[in-house]
PDB file of N, CA and C in Angstrom:
ATOM      1  N   MET A   1     108.226 110.851  89.185  1.00  0.00           N
ATOM      2  CA  MET A   1     108.544 109.557  89.704  1.00  0.00           C
ATOM      3  C   MET A   1     107.198 108.939  90.327  1.00  0.00           C
ATOM      4  N   ALA A   2     106.463 109.829  91.151  1.00  0.00           N
ATOM      5  CA  ALA A   2     105.321 109.312  91.855  1.00  0.00           C
ATOM      6  C   ALA A   2     104.196 108.796  90.747  1.00  0.00           C
ATOM      7  N   LEU A   3     104.218 109.635  89.578  1.00  0.00           N
ATOM      8  CA  LEU A   3     103.084 109.258  88.645  1.00  0.00           C
ATOM      9  C   LEU A   3     103.620 107.963  87.870  1.00  0.00           C
ATOM     10  N   THR A   4     104.743 107.721  87.623  1.00  0.00           N
ATOM     11  CA  THR A   4     105.139 106.331  87.124  1.00  0.00           C
ATOM     12  C   THR A   4     104.947 105.259  88.031  1.00  0.00           C
ATOM     13  N   GLN A   5     105.409 105.515  89.311  1.00  0.00           N
ATOM     14  CA  GLN A   5     105.149 104.458  90.288  1.00  0.00           C
ATOM     15  C   GLN A   5     103.678 104.107  90.487  1.00  0.00           C
ATOM     16  N   GLY A   6     102.774 105.206  90.626  1.00  0.00           N
ATOM     17  CA  GLY A   6     101.521 105.015  90.711  1.00  0.00           C
ATOM     18  C   GLY A   6     100.932 104.153  89.686  1.00  0.00           C
ATOM     19  N   SER A   7     101.156 104.466  88.342  1.00  0.00           N
ATOM     20  CA  SER A   7     100.764 103.890  87.206  1.00  0.00           C
ATOM     21  C   SER A   7     101.155 102.352  87.188  1.00  0.00           C
ATOM     22  N   LEU A   8     102.398 102.201  87.617  1.00  0.00           N
ATOM     23  CA  LEU A   8     102.834 100.834  87.617  1.00  0.00           C
ATOM     24  C   LEU A   8     102.049 100.017  88.593  1.00  0.00           C
ATOM     25  N   ILE A   9     101.852 100.567  89.860  1.00  0.00           N
ATOM     26  CA  ILE A   9     100.952  99.660  90.820  1.00  0.00           C
ATOM     27  C   ILE A   9      99.600  99.592  90.425  1.00  0.00           C
ATOM     28  N   ILE A  10      98.940 100.447  89.657  1.00  0.00           N
ATOM     29  CA  ILE A  10      97.564 100.383  89.288  1.00  0.00           C
ATOM     30  C   ILE A  10      97.467  99.450  88.102  1.00  0.00           C
ATOM     31  N   VAL A  11      98.143  99.531  86.970  1.00  0.00           N
ATOM     32  CA  VAL A  11      98.110  98.882  85.798  1.00  0.00           C
ATOM     33  C   VAL A  11      98.865  97.654  85.922  1.00  0.00           C
ATOM     34  N   ASP A  12      99.947  97.539  86.545  1.00  0.00           N
ATOM     35  CA  ASP A  12     100.884  96.277  86.756  1.00  0.00           C
ATOM     36  C   ASP A  12     101.128  95.646  85.361  1.00  0.00           C
ATOM     37  N   PRO A  13     101.939  96.329  84.547  1.00  0.00           N
ATOM     38  CA  PRO A  13     102.135  95.816  83.115  1.00  0.00           C
ATOM     39  C   PRO A  13     103.159  94.634  83.284  1.00  0.00           C
ATOM     40  N   ASP A  14     103.071  93.790  82.365  1.00  0.00           N
ATOM     41  CA  ASP A  14     103.919  92.573  82.241  1.00  0.00           C
ATOM     42  C   ASP A  14     105.105  92.877  81.319  1.00  0.00           C
ATOM     43  N   ALA A  15     106.353  93.070  82.069  1.00  0.00           N
ATOM     44  CA  ALA A  15     107.495  93.485  81.287  1.00  0.00           C
ATOM     45  C   ALA A  15     107.928  92.769  80.331  1.00  0.00           C
ATOM     46  N   ASN A  16     107.485  91.335  80.248  1.00  0.00           N
ATOM     47  CA  ASN A  16     107.904  90.506  79.255  1.00  0.00           C
ATOM     48  C   ASN A  16     106.976  90.426  78.102  1.00  0.00           C
ATOM     49  N   SER A  17     105.831  90.983  78.054  1.00  0.00           N
ATOM     50  CA  SER A  17     104.940  90.999  77.039  1.00  0.00           C
ATOM     51  C   SER A  17     105.243  91.895  75.879  1.00  0.00           C
ATOM     52  N   SER A  18     105.870  92.964  76.034  1.00  0.00           N
ATOM     53  CA  SER A  18     106.184  93.793  75.037  1.00  0.00           C
ATOM     54  C   SER A  18     107.173  94.833  75.368  1.00  0.00           C
ATOM     55  N   ALA A  19     107.833  95.389  74.394  1.00  0.00           N
ATOM     56  CA  ALA A  19     109.047  96.446  74.495  1.00  0.00           C
ATOM     57  C   ALA A  19     108.389  97.607  75.256  1.00  0.00           C
ATOM     58  N   TRP A  20     107.152  98.148  74.900  1.00  0.00           N
ATOM     59  CA  TRP A  20     106.656  99.171  75.556  1.00  0.00           C
ATOM     60  C   TRP A  20     106.290  98.974  76.953  1.00  0.00           C
ATOM     61  N   HIS A  21     105.886  97.752  77.414  1.00  0.00           N
ATOM     62  CA  HIS A  21     105.676  97.533  78.962  1.00  0.00           C
ATOM     63  C   HIS A  21     106.918  97.453  79.498  1.00  0.00           C
ATOM     64  N   ARG A  22     108.108  96.896  78.958  1.00  0.00           N
ATOM     65  CA  ARG A  22     109.389  96.830  79.546  1.00  0.00           C
ATOM     66  C   ARG A  22     109.954  98.314  79.718  1.00  0.00           C
ATOM     67  N   LEU A  23     109.656  99.031  78.658  1.00  0.00           N
ATOM     68  CA  LEU A  23     110.218 100.593  78.864  1.00  0.00           C
ATOM     69  C   LEU A  23     109.465 101.310  80.027  1.00  0.00           C
ATOM     70  N   TRP A  24     108.252 100.933  80.169  1.00  0.00           N
ATOM     71  CA  TRP A  24     107.362 101.651  81.051  1.00  0.00           C
ATOM     72  C   TRP A  24     107.717 101.018  82.478  1.00  0.00           C
ATOM     73  N   SER A  25     107.938  99.874  82.575  1.00  0.00           N
ATOM     74  CA  SER A  25     108.488  99.311  83.856  1.00  0.00           C
ATOM     75  C   SER A  25     109.740  99.681  84.384  1.00  0.00           C
ATOM     76  N   LEU A  26     110.608  99.921  83.389  1.00  0.00           N
ATOM     77  CA  LEU A  26     111.957 100.565  83.778  1.00  0.00           C
ATOM     78  C   LEU A  26     112.076 102.179  83.876  1.00  0.00           C
ATOM     79  N   SER A  27     110.928 102.765  83.518  1.00  0.00           N
ATOM     80  CA  SER A  27     111.029 104.232  83.601  1.00  0.00           C
ATOM     81  C   SER A  27     111.257 104.922  84.946  1.00  0.00           C
ATOM     82  N   PRO A  28     111.066 104.328  86.105  1.00  0.00           N
ATOM     83  CA  PRO A  28     111.554 104.944  87.290  1.00  0.00           C
ATOM     84  C   PRO A  28     112.978 104.974  87.444  1.00  0.00           C
ATOM     85  N   ILE A  29     113.700 104.337  86.889  1.00  0.00           N
ATOM     86  CA  ILE A  29     115.036 104.373  86.836  1.00  0.00           C
ATOM     87  C   ILE A  29     115.593 105.744  86.481  1.00  0.00           C
ATOM     88  N   GLY A  30     115.102 106.306  85.481  1.00  0.00           N
ATOM     89  CA  GLY A  30     115.412 107.724  85.009  1.00  0.00           C
ATOM     90  C   GLY A  30     115.280 108.768  86.193  1.00  0.00           C
ATOM     91  N   ALA A  31     114.121 108.535  86.863  1.00  0.00           N
ATOM     92  CA  ALA A  31     113.998 109.534  88.082  1.00  0.00           C
ATOM     93  C   ALA A  31     114.882 109.308  89.257  1.00  0.00           C
ATOM     94  N   ILE A  32     115.200 108.063  89.448  1.00  0.00           N
ATOM     95  CA  ILE A  32     116.255 107.768  90.466  1.00  0.00           C
ATOM     96  C   ILE A  32     117.545 108.182  90.174  1.00  0.00           C
ATOM     97  N   ALA A  33     117.903 108.155  88.772  1.00  0.00           N
ATOM     98  CA  ALA A  33     119.255 108.679  88.375  1.00  0.00           C
ATOM     99  C   ALA A  33     119.397 110.141  88.545  1.00  0.00           C
ATOM    100  N   ILE A  34     118.194 110.848  88.208  1.00  0.00           N
ATOM    101  CA  ILE A  34     118.128 112.271  88.319  1.00  0.00           C
ATOM    102  C   ILE A  34     118.294 112.716  89.832  1.00  0.00           C
ATOM    103  N   LEU A  35     117.575 111.945  90.672  1.00  0.00           N
ATOM    104  CA  LEU A  35     117.694 112.185  91.985  1.00  0.00           C
ATOM    105  C   LEU A  35     119.189 112.008  92.628  1.00  0.00           C
ATOM    106  N   ALA A  36     119.823 111.039  92.131  1.00  0.00           N
ATOM    107  CA  ALA A  36     121.198 110.735  92.673  1.00  0.00           C
ATOM    108  C   ALA A  36     122.148 111.886  91.900  1.00  0.00           C
ATOM    109  N   TRP A  37     121.895 112.251  90.832  1.00  0.00           N
ATOM    110  CA  TRP A  37     122.755 113.307  90.194  1.00  0.00           C
ATOM    111  C   TRP A  37     122.587 114.703  90.888  1.00  0.00           C
ATOM    112  N   GLY A  38     121.437 114.942  91.155  1.00  0.00           N
ATOM    113  CA  GLY A  38     120.978 116.205  92.069  1.00  0.00           C
ATOM    114  C   GLY A  38     121.635 116.111  93.341  1.00  0.00           C
ATOM    115  N   GLN A  39     121.606 114.959  94.076  1.00  0.00           N
ATOM    116  CA  GLN A  39     122.177 114.867  95.303  1.00  0.00           C
ATOM    117  C   GLN A  39     123.788 115.113  95.326  1.00  0.00           C
ATOM    118  N   ILE A  40     124.246 114.552  94.405  1.00  0.00           N
ATOM    119  CA  ILE A  40     125.900 114.636  94.139  1.00  0.00           C
ATOM    120  C   ILE A  40     126.213 116.058  93.855  1.00  0.00           C
ATOM    121  N   ARG A  41     125.429 116.838  93.052  1.00  0.00           N
ATOM    122  CA  ARG A  41     125.670 118.119  92.778  1.00  0.00           C
ATOM    123  C   ARG A  41     125.455 119.037  94.028  1.00  0.00           C
ATOM    124  N   VAL A  42     124.508 118.829  94.799  1.00  0.00           N
ATOM    125  CA  VAL A  42     124.256 119.381  96.094  1.00  0.00           C
ATOM    126  C   VAL A  42     125.427 119.292  97.177  1.00  0.00           C
ATOM    127  N   VAL A  43     125.949 118.162  97.223  1.00  0.00           N
ATOM    128  CA  VAL A  43     127.145 117.850  98.127  1.00  0.00           C
ATOM    129  C   VAL A  43     128.320 118.527  97.689  1.00  0.00           C
ATOM    130  N   ARG A  44     128.658 118.456  96.304  1.00  0.00           N
ATOM    131  CA  ARG A  44     129.752 119.041  95.756  1.00  0.00           C
ATOM    132  C   ARG A  44     129.799 120.606  95.848  1.00  0.00           C
ATOM    133  N   ARG A  45     128.586 121.151  95.764  1.00  0.00           N
ATOM    134  CA  ARG A  45     128.626 122.663  95.787  1.00  0.00           C
ATOM    135  C   ARG A  45     128.283 123.129  97.224  1.00  0.00           C
ATOM    136  N   SER A  46     128.244 122.369  98.277  1.00  0.00           N
ATOM    137  CA  SER A  46     127.939 122.976  99.508  1.00  0.00           C
ATOM    138  C   SER A  46     129.324 123.301 100.293  1.00  0.00           C
ATOM    139  N   ASP A  47     129.374 124.167 101.195  1.00  0.00           N
ATOM    140  CA  ASP A  47     130.506 124.363 102.010  1.00  0.00           C
ATOM    141  C   ASP A  47     130.543 123.258 103.141  1.00  0.00           C
ATOM    142  N   GLU A  48     131.548 123.496 104.171  1.00  0.00           N
ATOM    143  CA  GLU A  48     131.746 122.425 105.118  1.00  0.00           C
ATOM    144  C   GLU A  48     130.617 122.260 106.091  1.00  0.00           C
ATOM    145  N   ARG A  49     130.011 123.369 106.446  1.00  0.00           N
ATOM    146  CA  ARG A  49     128.941 123.143 107.272  1.00  0.00           C
ATOM    147  C   ARG A  49     127.552 122.494 106.592  1.00  0.00           C
ATOM    148  N   GLU A  50     127.387 122.917 105.381  1.00  0.00           N
ATOM    149  CA  GLU A  50     126.233 122.388 104.686  1.00  0.00           C
ATOM    150  C   GLU A  50     126.437 120.896 104.357  1.00  0.00           C
ATOM    151  N   ARG A  51     127.658 120.591 104.011  1.00  0.00           N
ATOM    152  CA  ARG A  51     128.100 119.164 103.779  1.00  0.00           C
ATOM    153  C   ARG A  51     127.890 118.333 104.917  1.00  0.00           C
ATOM    154  N   LEU A  52     128.198 118.720 106.069  1.00  0.00           N
ATOM    155  CA  LEU A  52     128.094 117.996 107.351  1.00  0.00           C
ATOM    156  C   LEU A  52     126.585 117.737 107.619  1.00  0.00           C
ATOM    157  N   VAL A  53     125.662 118.880 107.353  1.00  0.00           N
ATOM    158  CA  VAL A  53     124.292 118.666 107.593  1.00  0.00           C
ATOM    159  C   VAL A  53     123.759 117.584 106.540  1.00  0.00           C
ATOM    160  N   GLN A  54     124.232 117.801 105.322  1.00  0.00           N
ATOM    161  CA  GLN A  54     123.731 116.812 104.241  1.00  0.00           C
ATOM    162  C   GLN A  54     124.148 115.415 104.630  1.00  0.00           C
ATOM    163  N   LEU A  55     125.330 115.071 104.927  1.00  0.00           N
ATOM    164  CA  LEU A  55     125.831 113.754 105.211  1.00  0.00           C
ATOM    165  C   LEU A  55     125.194 113.338 106.681  1.00  0.00           C
ATOM    166  N   SER A  56     124.978 114.137 107.456  1.00  0.00           N
ATOM    167  CA  SER A  56     124.310 113.682 108.604  1.00  0.00           C
ATOM    168  C   SER A  56     122.853 113.220 108.484  1.00  0.00           C
ATOM    169  N   ALA A  57     122.206 113.850 107.537  1.00  0.00           N
ATOM    170  CA  ALA A  57     120.840 113.525 107.257  1.00  0.00           C
ATOM    171  C   ALA A  57     120.816 112.277 106.416  1.00  0.00           C
ATOM    172  N   MET A  58     121.791 112.134 105.574  1.00  0.00           N
ATOM    173  CA  MET A  58     122.013 110.862 104.779  1.00  0.00           C
ATOM    174  C   MET A  58     122.210 109.686 105.869  1.00  0.00           C
ATOM    175  N   ALA A  59     123.035 109.708 106.895  1.00  0.00           N
ATOM    176  CA  ALA A  59     123.337 108.839 107.685  1.00  0.00           C
ATOM    177  C   ALA A  59     122.015 108.391 108.572  1.00  0.00           C
ATOM    178  N   ILE A  60     121.245 109.451 108.866  1.00  0.00           N
ATOM    179  CA  ILE A  60     119.937 109.188 109.556  1.00  0.00           C
ATOM    180  C   ILE A  60     119.133 108.403 108.766  1.00  0.00           C
ATOM    181  N   ALA A  61     118.810 108.704 107.519  1.00  0.00           N
ATOM    182  CA  ALA A  61     118.205 108.128 106.496  1.00  0.00           C
ATOM    183  C   ALA A  61     118.576 106.668 106.232  1.00  0.00           C
ATOM    184  N   PHE A  62     119.994 106.408 106.229  1.00  0.00           N
ATOM    185  CA  PHE A  62     120.473 105.130 105.924  1.00  0.00           C
ATOM    186  C   PHE A  62     120.109 104.207 107.192  1.00  0.00           C
ATOM    187  N   ALA A  63     120.049 104.702 108.415  1.00  0.00           N
ATOM    188  CA  ALA A  63     119.651 103.951 109.594  1.00  0.00           C
ATOM    189  C   ALA A  63     118.248 103.513 109.479  1.00  0.00           C
ATOM    190  N   VAL A  64     117.331 104.511 109.119  1.00  0.00           N
ATOM    191  CA  VAL A  64     115.991 104.260 108.788  1.00  0.00           C
ATOM    192  C   VAL A  64     115.760 103.155 107.743  1.00  0.00           C
ATOM    193  N   LEU A  65     116.443 103.308 106.735  1.00  0.00           N
ATOM    194  CA  LEU A  65     116.302 102.479 105.596  1.00  0.00           C
ATOM    195  C   LEU A  65     116.794 100.898 106.042  1.00  0.00           C
ATOM    196  N   ILE A  66     117.821 100.774 106.798  1.00  0.00           N
ATOM    197  CA  ILE A  66     118.359  99.483 107.319  1.00  0.00           C
ATOM    198  C   ILE A  66     117.292  98.923 108.154  1.00  0.00           C
ATOM    199  N   VAL A  67     116.762  99.571 108.944  1.00  0.00           N
ATOM    200  CA  VAL A  67     115.560  99.142 109.951  1.00  0.00           C
ATOM    201  C   VAL A  67     114.377  98.668 109.114  1.00  0.00           C
ATOM    202  N   ALA A  68     113.973  99.492 108.260  1.00  0.00           N
ATOM    203  CA  ALA A  68     112.944  99.199 107.316  1.00  0.00           C
ATOM    204  C   ALA A  68     113.180  97.819 106.523  1.00  0.00           C
ATOM    205  N   LEU A  69     114.478  97.794 106.014  1.00  0.00           N
ATOM    206  CA  LEU A  69     114.720  96.494 105.185  1.00  0.00           C
ATOM    207  C   LEU A  69     114.727  95.325 106.152  1.00  0.00           C
ATOM    208  N   ALA A  70     115.113  95.532 107.404  1.00  0.00           N
ATOM    209  CA  ALA A  70     115.076  94.387 108.352  1.00  0.00           C
ATOM    210  C   ALA A  70     113.599  93.929 108.474  1.00  0.00           C
ATOM    211  N   ILE A  71     112.657  94.892 108.714  1.00  0.00           N
ATOM    212  CA  ILE A  71     111.289  94.514 108.959  1.00  0.00           C
ATOM    213  C   ILE A  71     110.703  93.955 107.607  1.00  0.00           C
ATOM    214  N   ILE A  72     111.058  94.432 106.475  1.00  0.00           N
ATOM    215  CA  ILE A  72     110.664  93.856 105.244  1.00  0.00           C
ATOM    216  C   ILE A  72     111.116  92.413 105.122  1.00  0.00           C
ATOM    217  N   GLY A  73     112.318  92.158 105.440  1.00  0.00           N
ATOM    218  CA  GLY A  73     112.890  90.769 105.454  1.00  0.00           C
ATOM    219  C   GLY A  73     112.079  89.888 106.242  1.00  0.00           C
ATOM    220  N   VAL A  74     111.723  90.333 107.575  1.00  0.00           N
ATOM    221  CA  VAL A  74     110.879  89.509 108.327  1.00  0.00           C
ATOM    222  C   VAL A  74     109.555  89.157 107.870  1.00  0.00           C
ATOM    223  N   LEU A  75     108.949  90.281 107.189  1.00  0.00           N
ATOM    224  CA  LEU A  75     107.463  90.228 106.665  1.00  0.00           C
ATOM    225  C   LEU A  75     107.521  89.213 105.440  1.00  0.00           C
ATOM    226  N   GLN A  76     108.654  89.377 104.628  1.00  0.00           N
ATOM    227  CA  GLN A  76     108.854  88.381 103.354  1.00  0.00           C
ATOM    228  C   GLN A  76     109.029  86.964 103.937  1.00  0.00           C
ATOM    229  N   GLY A  77     109.838  86.797 104.888  1.00  0.00           N
ATOM    230  CA  GLY A  77     110.080  85.496 105.438  1.00  0.00           C
ATOM    231  C   GLY A  77     108.808  84.903 105.969  1.00  0.00           C
ATOM    232  N   ALA A  78     107.794  85.588 106.387  1.00  0.00           N
ATOM    233  CA  ALA A  78     106.708  85.215 107.044  1.00  0.00           C
ATOM    234  C   ALA A  78     105.609  85.075 105.954  1.00  0.00           C
ATOM    235  N   ASP A  79     105.997  85.361 104.555  1.00  0.00           N
ATOM    236  CA  ASP A  79     105.055  85.502 103.420  1.00  0.00           C
ATOM    237  C   ASP A  79     103.793  86.520 103.738  1.00  0.00           C
ATOM    238  N   ILE A  80     104.171  87.525 104.342  1.00  0.00           N
ATOM    239  CA  ILE A  80     103.109  88.629 104.552  1.00  0.00           C
ATOM    240  C   ILE A  80     103.299  89.717 103.472  1.00  0.00           C
ATOM    241  N   GLY A  81     102.362  90.189 102.933  1.00  0.00           N
ATOM    242  CA  GLY A  81     102.483  91.303 101.903  1.00  0.00           C
ATOM    243  C   GLY A  81     103.075  90.911 100.550  1.00  0.00           C
ATOM    244  N   ASP A  82     103.158  91.970  99.790  1.00  0.00           N
ATOM    245  CA  ASP A  82     103.657  91.951  98.344  1.00  0.00           C
ATOM    246  C   ASP A  82     105.156  92.575  98.448  1.00  0.00           C
ATOM    247  N   PRO A  83     106.022  91.782  98.005  1.00  0.00           N
ATOM    248  CA  PRO A  83     107.522  92.118  98.073  1.00  0.00           C
ATOM    249  C   PRO A  83     107.664  93.486  97.312  1.00  0.00           C
ATOM    250  N   ARG A  84     107.023  93.675  96.130  1.00  0.00           N
ATOM    251  CA  ARG A  84     107.277  94.840  95.195  1.00  0.00           C
ATOM    252  C   ARG A  84     106.816  96.152  96.046  1.00  0.00           C
ATOM    253  N   GLN A  85     105.662  95.940  96.575  1.00  0.00           N
ATOM    254  CA  GLN A  85     105.134  97.177  97.268  1.00  0.00           C
ATOM    255  C   GLN A  85     106.037  97.550  98.597  1.00  0.00           C
ATOM    256  N   GLN A  86     106.387  96.460  99.028  1.00  0.00           N
ATOM    257  CA  GLN A  86     107.237  96.564 100.377  1.00  0.00           C
ATOM    258  C   GLN A  86     108.439  97.243 100.108  1.00  0.00           C
ATOM    259  N   THR A  87     109.057  97.035  98.894  1.00  0.00           N
ATOM    260  CA  THR A  87     110.404  97.599  98.473  1.00  0.00           C
ATOM    261  C   THR A  87     110.027  98.968  98.171  1.00  0.00           C
ATOM    262  N   GLN A  88     108.973  99.281  97.526  1.00  0.00           N
ATOM    263  CA  GLN A  88     108.751 100.707  97.167  1.00  0.00           C
ATOM    264  C   GLN A  88     108.367 101.583  98.554  1.00  0.00           C
ATOM    265  N   LEU A  89     107.702 101.038  99.405  1.00  0.00           N
ATOM    266  CA  LEU A  89     107.615 101.581 100.735  1.00  0.00           C
ATOM    267  C   LEU A  89     108.872 101.768 101.546  1.00  0.00           C
ATOM    268  N   THR A  90     109.842 100.827 101.355  1.00  0.00           N
ATOM    269  CA  THR A  90     111.106 101.083 102.103  1.00  0.00           C
ATOM    270  C   THR A  90     111.853 102.271 101.342  1.00  0.00           C
ATOM    271  N   PHE A  91     111.850 102.425  99.977  1.00  0.00           N
ATOM    272  CA  PHE A  91     112.498 103.553  99.384  1.00  0.00           C
ATOM    273  C   PHE A  91     111.734 104.798  99.939  1.00  0.00           C
ATOM    274  N   ILE A  92     110.576 104.796  99.891  1.00  0.00           N
ATOM    275  CA  ILE A  92     109.777 106.082 100.333  1.00  0.00           C
ATOM    276  C   ILE A  92     110.166 106.428 101.755  1.00  0.00           C
ATOM    277  N   ALA A  93     110.250 105.378 102.697  1.00  0.00           N
ATOM    278  CA  ALA A  93     110.599 105.747 103.964  1.00  0.00           C
ATOM    279  C   ALA A  93     111.971 106.254 104.083  1.00  0.00           C
ATOM    280  N   GLY A  94     112.846 105.806 103.379  1.00  0.00           N
ATOM    281  CA  GLY A  94     114.299 106.411 103.334  1.00  0.00           C
ATOM    282  C   GLY A  94     114.249 107.751 102.872  1.00  0.00           C
ATOM    283  N   VAL A  95     113.656 108.126 101.787  1.00  0.00           N
ATOM    284  CA  VAL A  95     113.561 109.480 101.305  1.00  0.00           C
ATOM    285  C   VAL A  95     112.918 110.211 102.155  1.00  0.00           C
ATOM    286  N   CYS A  96     111.871 110.013 102.785  1.00  0.00           N
ATOM    287  CA  CYS A  96     111.238 110.977 103.636  1.00  0.00           C
ATOM    288  C   CYS A  96     112.015 111.039 105.050  1.00  0.00           C
ATOM    289  N   ALA A  97     112.744 110.033 105.520  1.00  0.00           N
ATOM    290  CA  ALA A  97     113.622 110.162 106.707  1.00  0.00           C
ATOM    291  C   ALA A  97     114.804 111.141 106.209  1.00  0.00           C
ATOM    292  N   TRP A  98     115.131 111.077 105.065  1.00  0.00           N
ATOM    293  CA  TRP A  98     116.416 111.842 104.696  1.00  0.00           C
ATOM    294  C   TRP A  98     115.874 113.445 104.710  1.00  0.00           C
ATOM    295  N   VAL A  99     114.752 113.693 104.005  1.00  0.00           N
ATOM    296  CA  VAL A  99     114.217 115.070 103.837  1.00  0.00           C
ATOM    297  C   VAL A  99     113.845 115.569 105.310  1.00  0.00           C
ATOM    298  N   GLY A 100     113.162 114.712 106.042  1.00  0.00           N
ATOM    299  CA  GLY A 100     112.922 115.101 107.370  1.00  0.00           C
ATOM    300  C   GLY A 100     114.144 115.530 108.175  1.00  0.00           C
ATOM    301  N   ALA A 101     115.044 114.602 108.103  1.00  0.00           N
ATOM    302  CA  ALA A 101     116.335 114.897 108.969  1.00  0.00           C
ATOM    303  C   ALA A 101     116.941 116.050 108.452  1.00  0.00           C
ATOM    304  N   LEU A 102     117.127 116.235 107.184  1.00  0.00           N
ATOM    305  CA  LEU A 102     117.690 117.395 106.677  1.00  0.00           C
ATOM    306  C   LEU A 102     116.893 118.722 106.998  1.00  0.00           C
ATOM    307  N   ALA A 103     115.674 118.747 106.991  1.00  0.00           N
ATOM    308  CA  ALA A 103     114.932 119.951 107.467  1.00  0.00           C
ATOM    309  C   ALA A 103     115.292 120.196 108.949  1.00  0.00           C
ATOM    310  N   ILE A 104     115.260 119.226 109.930  1.00  0.00           N
ATOM    311  CA  ILE A 104     115.497 119.317 111.332  1.00  0.00           C
ATOM    312  C   ILE A 104     116.901 119.886 111.542  1.00  0.00           C
ATOM    313  N   LEU A 105     117.792 119.228 110.931  1.00  0.00           N
ATOM    314  CA  LEU A 105     119.306 119.536 111.082  1.00  0.00           C
ATOM    315  C   LEU A 105     119.593 120.900 110.591  1.00  0.00           C
ATOM    316  N   GLN A 106     119.005 121.322 109.398  1.00  0.00           N
ATOM    317  CA  GLN A 106     119.203 122.676 109.027  1.00  0.00           C
ATOM    318  C   GLN A 106     118.626 123.808 109.899  1.00  0.00           C
ATOM    319  N   ARG A 107     117.452 123.379 110.467  1.00  0.00           N
ATOM    320  CA  ARG A 107     116.802 124.296 111.396  1.00  0.00           C
ATOM    321  C   ARG A 107     117.777 124.471 112.629  1.00  0.00           C
ATOM    322  N   ARG A 108     118.296 123.486 113.231  1.00  0.00           N
ATOM    323  CA  ARG A 108     119.130 123.459 114.402  1.00  0.00           C
ATOM    324  C   ARG A 108     120.552 124.144 114.136  1.00  0.00           C
ATOM    325  N   SER A 109     121.030 123.964 112.890  1.00  0.00           N
ATOM    326  CA  SER A 109     122.344 124.616 112.541  1.00  0.00           C
ATOM    327  C   SER A 109     122.113 126.051 112.400  1.00  0.00           C
ATOM    328  N   SER A 110     121.048 126.546 112.192  1.00  0.00           N
ATOM    329  CA  SER A 110     121.145 128.020 111.836  1.00  0.00           C
ATOM    330  C   SER A 110     120.726 128.853 112.984  1.00  0.00           C
TER     331      SER A 110
END
């Protein structure tokens, strides 16, 4: 996912110019779907304690994501920065908050 996102930022293909560029532009959707599928599997296979830790980490990440979206909204309203990069940074912040909160919560619960 990082490779496709990085290549999209560097090359910036025009999705309307060809089918190849459109496919390339939409390629991160596959990685996002795999991430969601993996998370659903993790939650389904976990016991009650692990599920509580997972869902608590998701709640923390959701709060970080909402705050980041509010900040991005203000920046876009002031016409500061590139909306595409801000959206990607918001996603990255949410995932990092989720992984970090999960690591901390797992360490505390053991």
